[in-house]
N, C-alpha and C. Protein backbone atom coordinates (compact mmCIF):
# COMPACT_ATOMS: atom_id res chain seq x y z
N UNK A 1 -21.23 -6.73 32.10
CA UNK A 1 -19.71 -7.21 32.47
C UNK A 1 -20.23 -8.51 32.84
N UNK A 2 -21.06 -9.54 33.02
CA UNK A 2 -21.81 -10.49 33.51
C UNK A 2 -20.82 -12.03 32.29
N UNK A 3 -21.75 -11.09 31.46
CA UNK A 3 -21.13 -11.99 30.12
C UNK A 3 -19.51 -11.39 29.65
N UNK A 4 -19.20 -10.54 29.92
CA UNK A 4 -17.28 -10.91 29.82
C UNK A 4 -16.76 -11.70 31.13
N UNK A 5 -17.51 -11.41 32.36
CA UNK A 5 -16.52 -11.98 33.27
C UNK A 5 -17.11 -14.07 32.60
N UNK A 6 -18.26 -13.98 32.49
CA UNK A 6 -18.50 -15.51 32.09
C UNK A 6 -17.34 -15.93 31.18
N UNK A 7 -17.42 -15.60 29.58
CA UNK A 7 -16.62 -15.33 28.68
C UNK A 7 -14.98 -15.96 28.95
N UNK A 8 -14.50 -15.31 30.05
CA UNK A 8 -13.00 -15.29 29.80
C UNK A 8 -13.60 -16.54 30.65
N UNK A 9 -14.08 -16.75 31.83
CA UNK A 9 -14.18 -18.05 32.55
C UNK A 9 -14.30 -19.05 31.73
N UNK A 10 -15.52 -19.00 30.65
CA UNK A 10 -15.06 -20.23 29.98
C UNK A 10 -14.11 -20.35 29.13
N UNK A 11 -13.19 -19.59 28.30
CA UNK A 11 -11.75 -19.71 27.85
C UNK A 11 -11.11 -20.23 28.71
N UNK A 12 -11.05 -19.84 29.97
CA UNK A 12 -10.16 -20.80 30.96
C UNK A 12 -10.30 -21.87 30.99
N UNK A 13 -11.48 -22.55 31.34
CA UNK A 13 -12.12 -24.15 31.39
C UNK A 13 -11.41 -24.47 30.02
N UNK A 14 -12.49 -23.98 28.71
CA UNK A 14 -11.72 -24.41 27.33
C UNK A 14 -10.29 -24.64 27.11
N UNK A 15 -9.45 -23.85 27.82
CA UNK A 15 -7.72 -23.70 27.41
C UNK A 15 -7.25 -24.60 28.26
N UNK A 16 -7.83 -25.30 29.49
CA UNK A 16 -7.20 -25.97 30.43
C UNK A 16 -7.19 -27.50 30.32
N UNK A 17 -8.87 -27.39 29.38
CA UNK A 17 -9.16 -28.96 28.89
C UNK A 17 -8.24 -29.21 28.11
N UNK A 18 -8.03 -27.83 26.63
CA UNK A 18 -7.60 -28.06 25.74
C UNK A 18 -5.97 -29.08 25.98
N UNK A 19 -5.29 -28.49 27.20
CA UNK A 19 -4.03 -28.89 27.38
C UNK A 19 -3.96 -29.93 28.13
N UNK A 20 -5.09 -30.05 28.86
CA UNK A 20 -5.00 -31.79 29.36
C UNK A 20 -5.71 -32.87 27.75
N UNK A 21 -6.45 -32.50 26.98
CA UNK A 21 -6.21 -33.21 26.04
C UNK A 21 -5.26 -33.61 25.44
N UNK A 22 -4.72 -32.49 25.02
CA UNK A 22 -3.35 -32.69 24.42
C UNK A 22 -2.74 -33.83 24.69
N UNK A 23 -2.13 -33.44 26.38
CA UNK A 23 -1.25 -34.13 26.90
C UNK A 23 -1.81 -35.60 26.93
N UNK A 24 -2.84 -35.94 27.49
CA UNK A 24 -3.00 -37.43 27.47
C UNK A 24 -3.56 -37.88 26.23
N UNK A 25 -3.96 -37.18 25.06
CA UNK A 25 -4.18 -38.08 23.72
C UNK A 25 -2.59 -38.38 23.25
N UNK A 26 -1.74 -37.58 23.54
CA UNK A 26 -0.35 -37.59 22.32
C UNK A 26 -0.03 -38.94 23.31
N UNK A 27 0.18 -38.71 24.83
CA UNK A 27 0.83 -39.94 25.93
C UNK A 27 0.05 -41.32 25.20
N UNK A 28 -1.55 -41.19 25.28
CA UNK A 28 -2.16 -42.26 24.94
C UNK A 28 -1.42 -42.98 23.47
N UNK A 29 -0.97 -42.29 22.43
CA UNK A 29 -0.63 -42.77 21.15
C UNK A 29 0.52 -42.10 20.86
N UNK A 30 1.36 -42.31 22.23
CA UNK A 30 2.77 -42.17 22.05
C UNK A 30 3.16 -41.80 20.98
N UNK A 31 2.64 -40.31 20.39
CA UNK A 31 3.22 -39.68 19.62
C UNK A 31 3.91 -38.15 20.15
N UNK A 32 5.27 -38.28 19.46
CA UNK A 32 6.22 -37.63 19.96
C UNK A 32 6.55 -36.30 18.90
N UNK A 33 6.15 -35.89 17.58
CA UNK A 33 5.86 -35.14 16.83
C UNK A 33 5.28 -34.19 17.15
N UNK A 34 4.96 -32.95 16.42
CA UNK A 34 4.40 -32.06 16.11
C UNK A 34 2.99 -31.85 15.66
N UNK A 35 1.77 -31.47 16.39
CA UNK A 35 0.97 -31.34 15.46
C UNK A 35 0.16 -29.63 17.00
N UNK A 36 -0.93 -29.18 15.79
CA UNK A 36 -1.43 -28.18 16.49
C UNK A 36 -2.17 -28.17 17.66
N UNK A 37 -2.52 -29.42 18.22
CA UNK A 37 -2.87 -30.11 19.75
C UNK A 37 -2.43 -28.79 20.11
N UNK A 38 -1.01 -28.74 20.27
CA UNK A 38 -0.04 -28.13 21.31
C UNK A 38 -0.33 -26.20 21.24
N UNK A 39 -1.03 -26.07 20.68
CA UNK A 39 -1.18 -24.67 20.67
C UNK A 39 -2.18 -24.33 21.15
N UNK A 40 -3.47 -24.99 20.66
CA UNK A 40 -4.97 -24.70 21.05
C UNK A 40 -4.98 -24.15 22.76
N UNK A 41 -4.42 -24.64 23.89
CA UNK A 41 -5.07 -24.36 24.91
C UNK A 41 -4.16 -22.90 25.04
N UNK A 42 -3.18 -22.74 24.63
CA UNK A 42 -2.58 -21.27 24.63
C UNK A 42 -3.19 -20.32 23.88
N UNK A 43 -3.63 -20.51 22.44
CA UNK A 43 -4.58 -19.55 21.92
C UNK A 43 -6.15 -19.33 22.73
N UNK A 44 -6.37 -20.93 23.39
CA UNK A 44 -7.78 -20.49 23.87
C UNK A 44 -7.22 -19.09 25.13
N UNK A 45 -6.68 -19.27 25.86
CA UNK A 45 -6.44 -18.57 26.99
C UNK A 45 -5.38 -17.38 26.91
N UNK A 46 -5.10 -17.35 25.30
CA UNK A 46 -4.58 -16.29 25.50
C UNK A 46 -5.70 -15.32 24.50
N UNK A 47 -6.13 -15.61 23.56
CA UNK A 47 -7.26 -14.88 22.74
C UNK A 47 -8.37 -14.87 23.59
N UNK A 48 -8.37 -15.60 24.54
CA UNK A 48 -10.10 -16.23 24.95
C UNK A 48 -9.82 -14.88 26.27
N UNK A 49 -9.15 -15.65 26.98
CA UNK A 49 -9.35 -15.32 28.97
C UNK A 49 -8.83 -13.76 28.66
N UNK A 50 -7.51 -14.07 28.49
CA UNK A 50 -6.51 -12.62 28.47
C UNK A 50 -7.34 -11.55 27.44
N UNK A 51 -8.00 -11.47 26.37
CA UNK A 51 -8.63 -10.86 25.51
C UNK A 51 -10.10 -10.54 26.44
N UNK A 52 -10.96 -11.33 27.40
CA UNK A 52 -11.78 -10.70 27.37
C UNK A 52 -11.49 -10.49 29.09
N UNK A 53 -10.63 -10.53 29.68
CA UNK A 53 -10.25 -9.71 31.23
C UNK A 53 -9.81 -8.21 31.09
N UNK A 54 -9.20 -8.09 29.76
CA UNK A 54 -9.16 -6.59 29.59
C UNK A 54 -9.72 -5.96 28.83
N UNK A 55 -10.43 -6.67 28.04
CA UNK A 55 -12.36 -6.15 28.13
C UNK A 55 -13.01 -5.85 29.02
N UNK A 56 -12.99 -6.61 30.24
CA UNK A 56 -13.42 -6.21 31.49
C UNK A 56 -13.10 -4.34 31.62
N UNK A 57 -11.88 -4.78 31.94
CA UNK A 57 -11.51 -3.29 32.25
C UNK A 57 -11.38 -2.32 31.54
N UNK A 58 -11.60 -2.41 30.21
CA UNK A 58 -12.12 -1.49 29.18
C UNK A 58 -13.35 -0.95 29.61
N UNK A 59 -14.19 -1.71 30.04
CA UNK A 59 -15.87 -1.81 30.38
C UNK A 59 -15.79 -0.87 32.00
N UNK A 60 -14.85 -1.41 32.52
CA UNK A 60 -15.35 -0.46 33.60
C UNK A 60 -14.49 1.08 33.32
N UNK A 61 -13.61 1.35 33.00
CA UNK A 61 -12.99 2.34 32.38
C UNK A 61 -13.97 3.34 31.28
N UNK A 62 -14.51 2.54 30.39
CA UNK A 62 -14.82 3.51 28.98
C UNK A 62 -16.33 2.91 28.90
N UNK A 63 -16.85 2.03 29.41
CA UNK A 63 -18.24 1.79 29.39
C UNK A 63 -18.39 1.30 28.12
N UNK A 64 -18.03 0.08 27.96
CA UNK A 64 -17.36 -0.03 26.22
C UNK A 64 -18.65 -1.09 25.81
N UNK A 65 -19.50 -1.60 26.66
CA UNK A 65 -20.69 -2.26 25.93
C UNK A 65 -21.94 -1.33 25.48
N UNK A 66 -21.34 -0.11 25.86
CA UNK A 66 -22.71 0.91 25.32
C UNK A 66 -21.90 1.41 23.97
N UNK A 67 -20.52 0.74 23.68
CA UNK A 67 -20.01 1.21 22.29
C UNK A 67 -20.60 0.62 21.13
N UNK A 68 -21.29 1.58 20.05
CA UNK A 68 -22.38 1.22 18.70
C UNK A 68 -21.90 -0.42 18.05
N UNK A 69 -20.59 -0.48 18.08
CA UNK A 69 -20.14 -1.89 17.81
C UNK A 69 -19.97 -2.87 18.55
N UNK A 70 -20.64 -3.07 19.83
CA UNK A 70 -20.06 -3.61 20.85
C UNK A 70 -20.65 -4.93 21.05
N UNK A 71 -21.81 -5.33 20.43
CA UNK A 71 -22.23 -6.83 20.35
C UNK A 71 -21.97 -7.30 18.81
N UNK A 72 -21.54 -6.28 17.97
CA UNK A 72 -20.67 -7.28 17.10
C UNK A 72 -19.78 -8.19 17.34
N UNK A 73 -18.83 -7.09 17.67
CA UNK A 73 -17.56 -7.69 18.37
C UNK A 73 -17.59 -9.02 19.06
N UNK A 74 -18.46 -8.88 19.88
CA UNK A 74 -18.64 -9.64 21.22
C UNK A 74 -19.16 -11.09 20.54
N UNK A 75 -20.06 -11.12 19.53
CA UNK A 75 -20.74 -12.57 18.47
C UNK A 75 -19.57 -12.72 17.79
N UNK A 76 -19.11 -11.61 17.16
CA UNK A 76 -18.52 -12.46 15.96
C UNK A 76 -16.77 -12.96 16.56
N UNK A 77 -16.76 -12.20 17.11
CA UNK A 77 -15.44 -12.77 18.54
C UNK A 77 -15.55 -14.19 18.63
N UNK A 78 -16.30 -14.12 19.17
CA UNK A 78 -16.58 -16.07 20.32
C UNK A 78 -16.60 -16.82 18.40
N UNK A 79 -17.32 -16.43 17.92
CA UNK A 79 -17.54 -17.40 16.97
C UNK A 79 -16.49 -17.56 16.05
N UNK A 80 -15.46 -16.78 15.92
CA UNK A 80 -13.84 -16.94 15.27
C UNK A 80 -13.24 -17.67 16.26
N UNK A 81 -13.46 -17.31 17.50
CA UNK A 81 -12.27 -18.01 18.35
C UNK A 81 -12.47 -19.21 18.36
N UNK A 82 -13.92 -19.69 18.26
CA UNK A 82 -14.57 -20.92 18.72
C UNK A 82 -14.01 -21.64 17.84
N UNK A 83 -14.71 -21.28 16.38
CA UNK A 83 -14.47 -22.07 14.91
C UNK A 83 -12.50 -22.67 14.80
N UNK A 84 -11.95 -21.21 14.74
CA UNK A 84 -10.62 -21.62 14.61
C UNK A 84 -9.91 -22.32 15.62
N UNK A 85 -10.14 -22.29 16.81
CA UNK A 85 -9.76 -23.45 18.18
C UNK A 85 -10.04 -25.04 18.03
N UNK A 86 -11.61 -25.05 17.60
CA UNK A 86 -12.58 -26.17 17.33
C UNK A 86 -11.77 -26.78 16.28
N UNK A 87 -11.41 -26.14 14.46
CA UNK A 87 -10.85 -27.18 13.94
C UNK A 87 -9.04 -27.05 13.67
N UNK A 88 -8.51 -26.14 15.15
CA UNK A 88 -7.41 -26.78 15.24
C UNK A 88 -7.28 -28.11 15.92
N UNK A 89 -8.05 -27.81 16.62
CA UNK A 89 -8.49 -29.66 17.70
C UNK A 89 -8.50 -30.36 16.63
N UNK A 90 -9.56 -30.70 15.74
CA UNK A 90 -9.65 -31.42 14.66
C UNK A 90 -8.65 -31.99 14.13
N UNK A 91 -7.47 -30.78 13.68
CA UNK A 91 -6.71 -31.05 12.58
C UNK A 91 -5.50 -31.68 13.43
N UNK A 92 -5.29 -31.25 14.77
CA UNK A 92 -4.29 -31.87 15.74
C UNK A 92 -4.83 -32.96 16.02
N UNK A 93 -5.64 -33.32 16.25
CA UNK A 93 -6.00 -35.18 16.38
C UNK A 93 -5.85 -36.06 15.32
N UNK A 94 -6.51 -35.00 14.10
CA UNK A 94 -6.06 -36.13 12.91
C UNK A 94 -4.35 -36.03 12.64
N UNK A 95 -3.68 -35.46 13.42
CA UNK A 95 -2.43 -35.56 12.85
C UNK A 95 -1.89 -36.70 14.01
N UNK A 96 -2.41 -37.00 15.10
CA UNK A 96 -1.57 -37.69 16.40
C UNK A 96 -2.09 -38.63 15.82
N UNK A 97 -3.35 -38.98 15.36
CA UNK A 97 -4.09 -40.22 15.08
C UNK A 97 -3.66 -40.85 13.43
N UNK A 98 -2.71 -40.08 13.10
CA UNK A 98 -1.68 -40.17 11.72
C UNK A 98 -2.85 -40.25 10.31
N UNK A 99 -3.54 -39.74 10.58
CA UNK A 99 -5.02 -39.06 9.28
C UNK A 99 -4.45 -37.86 8.79
N UNK A 100 -5.06 -37.65 7.51
CA UNK A 100 -4.86 -36.57 6.72
C UNK A 100 -5.98 -35.76 6.70
N UNK A 101 -5.42 -34.56 7.44
CA UNK A 101 -6.56 -33.59 7.69
C UNK A 101 -7.41 -32.83 6.30
N UNK A 102 -6.75 -32.37 5.49
CA UNK A 102 -7.84 -32.34 4.21
C UNK A 102 -7.81 -30.97 4.20
N UNK A 103 -8.11 -30.32 2.99
CA UNK A 103 -8.16 -29.10 2.58
C UNK A 103 -9.75 -28.49 2.84
N UNK A 104 -10.44 -28.79 3.55
CA UNK A 104 -12.00 -28.18 3.89
C UNK A 104 -11.54 -27.85 5.62
N UNK A 105 -10.76 -28.32 5.97
CA UNK A 105 -10.35 -28.29 7.52
C UNK A 105 -9.95 -26.80 7.53
N UNK A 106 -8.74 -26.97 6.80
CA UNK A 106 -8.12 -26.06 6.32
C UNK A 106 -8.67 -24.70 6.00
N UNK A 107 -9.51 -24.52 5.07
CA UNK A 107 -10.44 -23.74 4.97
C UNK A 107 -11.80 -22.91 5.92
N UNK A 108 -11.77 -23.88 6.80
CA UNK A 108 -12.58 -23.72 7.12
C UNK A 108 -11.96 -22.43 8.80
N UNK A 109 -10.96 -23.70 8.80
CA UNK A 109 -10.16 -22.57 10.01
C UNK A 109 -9.69 -21.10 9.37
N UNK A 110 -9.57 -21.00 7.69
CA UNK A 110 -9.21 -19.57 7.73
C UNK A 110 -9.93 -18.72 8.33
N UNK A 111 -11.49 -19.02 7.77
CA UNK A 111 -12.89 -18.57 7.92
C UNK A 111 -12.88 -18.04 9.61
N UNK A 112 -12.44 -18.87 10.11
CA UNK A 112 -12.32 -18.47 11.63
C UNK A 112 -11.45 -17.26 11.99
N UNK A 113 -10.15 -17.86 11.24
CA UNK A 113 -9.47 -16.64 11.22
C UNK A 113 -10.07 -14.86 10.45
N UNK A 114 -10.79 -15.00 9.87
CA UNK A 114 -11.50 -14.37 8.80
C UNK A 114 -12.43 -13.56 9.95
N UNK A 115 -13.10 -14.19 10.69
CA UNK A 115 -14.00 -13.80 11.55
C UNK A 115 -13.14 -12.53 13.07
N UNK A 116 -12.44 -13.37 12.85
CA UNK A 116 -11.48 -12.94 14.08
C UNK A 116 -11.21 -11.50 13.70
N UNK A 117 -10.86 -10.87 12.65
CA UNK A 117 -10.40 -9.89 12.17
C UNK A 117 -11.55 -8.99 11.83
N UNK A 118 -12.09 -9.58 11.76
CA UNK A 118 -13.54 -8.32 11.59
C UNK A 118 -14.00 -8.43 12.84
N UNK A 119 -14.00 -9.38 13.50
CA UNK A 119 -14.40 -8.98 15.21
C UNK A 119 -13.52 -7.50 15.77
N UNK A 120 -12.32 -8.18 15.81
CA UNK A 120 -11.03 -6.74 16.21
C UNK A 120 -11.50 -5.81 15.09
N UNK A 121 -11.79 -5.47 13.90
CA UNK A 121 -12.16 -4.44 13.62
C UNK A 121 -13.63 -3.36 14.04
N UNK A 122 -14.37 -4.66 14.33
CA UNK A 122 -15.59 -3.77 15.22
C UNK A 122 -14.75 -3.77 16.71
N UNK A 123 -14.38 -4.48 17.30
CA UNK A 123 -13.74 -3.70 18.44
C UNK A 123 -12.96 -2.30 18.59
N UNK A 124 -11.94 -2.43 17.36
CA UNK A 124 -11.58 -1.12 17.60
C UNK A 124 -12.76 0.16 16.67
N UNK A 125 -13.76 -0.09 16.23
CA UNK A 125 -14.29 1.07 16.40
C UNK A 125 -15.44 0.75 17.55
N UNK A 126 -15.77 0.10 18.33
CA UNK A 126 -16.49 0.31 18.91
C UNK A 126 -15.41 1.26 20.17
N UNK A 127 -13.68 1.10 20.21
CA UNK A 127 -13.14 1.54 21.15
C UNK A 127 -13.13 3.22 20.64
N UNK A 128 -13.36 3.51 19.51
CA UNK A 128 -13.21 4.54 19.05
C UNK A 128 -14.50 5.46 19.07
N UNK A 129 -15.60 5.01 19.09
CA UNK A 129 -16.71 5.31 19.57
C UNK A 129 -16.55 6.11 21.03
N UNK A 130 -16.24 5.04 21.80
CA UNK A 130 -16.43 5.01 23.38
C UNK A 130 -15.79 5.86 23.52
N UNK A 131 -14.39 6.49 22.81
CA UNK A 131 -13.22 7.53 23.32
C UNK A 131 -13.98 8.66 22.84
N UNK A 132 -15.00 8.62 21.66
CA UNK A 132 -15.40 10.00 21.58
C UNK A 132 -14.70 11.22 21.38
N UNK A 133 -15.16 12.00 22.32
CA UNK A 133 -14.78 13.18 22.27
C UNK A 133 -13.16 13.74 22.43
N UNK A 134 -12.71 12.59 23.81
CA UNK A 134 -11.37 12.28 24.27
C UNK A 134 -10.57 12.27 23.10
N UNK A 135 -10.86 11.37 22.10
CA UNK A 135 -9.85 10.74 20.81
C UNK A 135 -9.84 12.28 20.13
N UNK A 136 -11.33 12.60 19.79
CA UNK A 136 -10.97 13.77 18.71
C UNK A 136 -10.38 15.40 19.30
N UNK A 137 -10.65 15.67 20.86
CA UNK A 137 -9.92 16.53 21.05
C UNK A 137 -8.48 16.88 21.49
N UNK A 138 -7.67 15.79 21.44
CA UNK A 138 -6.12 15.49 21.59
C UNK A 138 -5.78 15.69 20.03
N UNK A 139 -4.43 16.00 19.57
CA UNK A 139 -3.67 16.11 18.44
C UNK A 139 -2.89 14.90 18.52
N UNK A 140 -1.93 14.37 17.88
CA UNK A 140 -1.44 12.99 17.77
C UNK A 140 -0.10 13.26 19.18
N UNK A 141 0.34 14.25 19.53
CA UNK A 141 1.35 14.67 20.42
C UNK A 141 1.07 14.61 21.84
N UNK A 142 -0.89 14.88 21.45
CA UNK A 142 -1.48 14.62 23.00
C UNK A 142 -2.01 15.87 23.56
N UNK A 143 -1.30 16.82 22.90
CA UNK A 143 -2.08 18.44 23.11
C UNK A 143 -3.11 18.65 23.07
N UNK A 144 -4.23 19.01 23.55
CA UNK A 144 -5.52 19.74 23.43
C UNK A 144 -5.15 20.29 21.53
N UNK A 145 -6.57 19.55 20.96
CA UNK A 145 -6.47 20.82 19.48
C UNK A 145 -6.95 22.04 19.87
N UNK A 146 -6.42 22.70 18.75
CA UNK A 146 -6.70 24.45 19.05
C UNK A 146 -8.13 24.22 17.95
N UNK A 147 -9.13 25.65 18.33
CA UNK A 147 -10.03 25.73 16.82
C UNK A 147 -9.32 26.20 16.61
N UNK A 148 -10.20 26.65 15.39
CA UNK A 148 -10.00 27.48 13.97
C UNK A 148 -9.70 29.31 14.51
N UNK A 149 -10.65 29.01 15.65
CA UNK A 149 -11.00 30.50 16.18
C UNK A 149 -9.59 31.13 16.72
N UNK A 150 -9.05 29.76 17.33
CA UNK A 150 -7.72 30.19 17.97
C UNK A 150 -6.71 30.30 17.08
N UNK A 151 -6.29 29.59 15.82
CA UNK A 151 -5.79 29.71 14.87
C UNK A 151 -5.61 30.61 14.40
N UNK A 152 -6.76 31.52 14.24
CA UNK A 152 -6.69 32.59 13.26
C UNK A 152 -6.07 33.67 14.38
N UNK A 153 -6.29 33.53 15.51
CA UNK A 153 -5.80 34.84 16.11
C UNK A 153 -3.98 35.22 16.55
N UNK A 154 -3.45 33.94 15.72
CA UNK A 154 -2.04 34.42 16.18
C UNK A 154 -1.85 34.84 15.33
């Protein structure tokens, strides 16, 4: 539970710092155009802070950290989010400074997005594992599944 809490705190601090960096850099450079720096703080606050706050709630109700895929989700998600937002920051900074970012930065940012996608697959596998019998015991309509024996007696 502590690592989920500290993850949410980390992304809150990073998100606020990213917003400050965007404001101060664009002001110092008299930059008025579009840059990826404008959305780094929202990515960090939404994909970082909010996701981990939701994960805390799921931990309290489902003991999510006991899930088979939780560790894979946790570390892959951090790697993907940090890589994605770091490269967005680099790309946005280069834009503000009037420099070209190049294909390597876009490719690495794409790798960050791939890691986030893989992490979300791990998350849903973990969630499915923790739902366990509750997930298997209900039909799509929410009614309890009937056993084969119950169906043959109809």
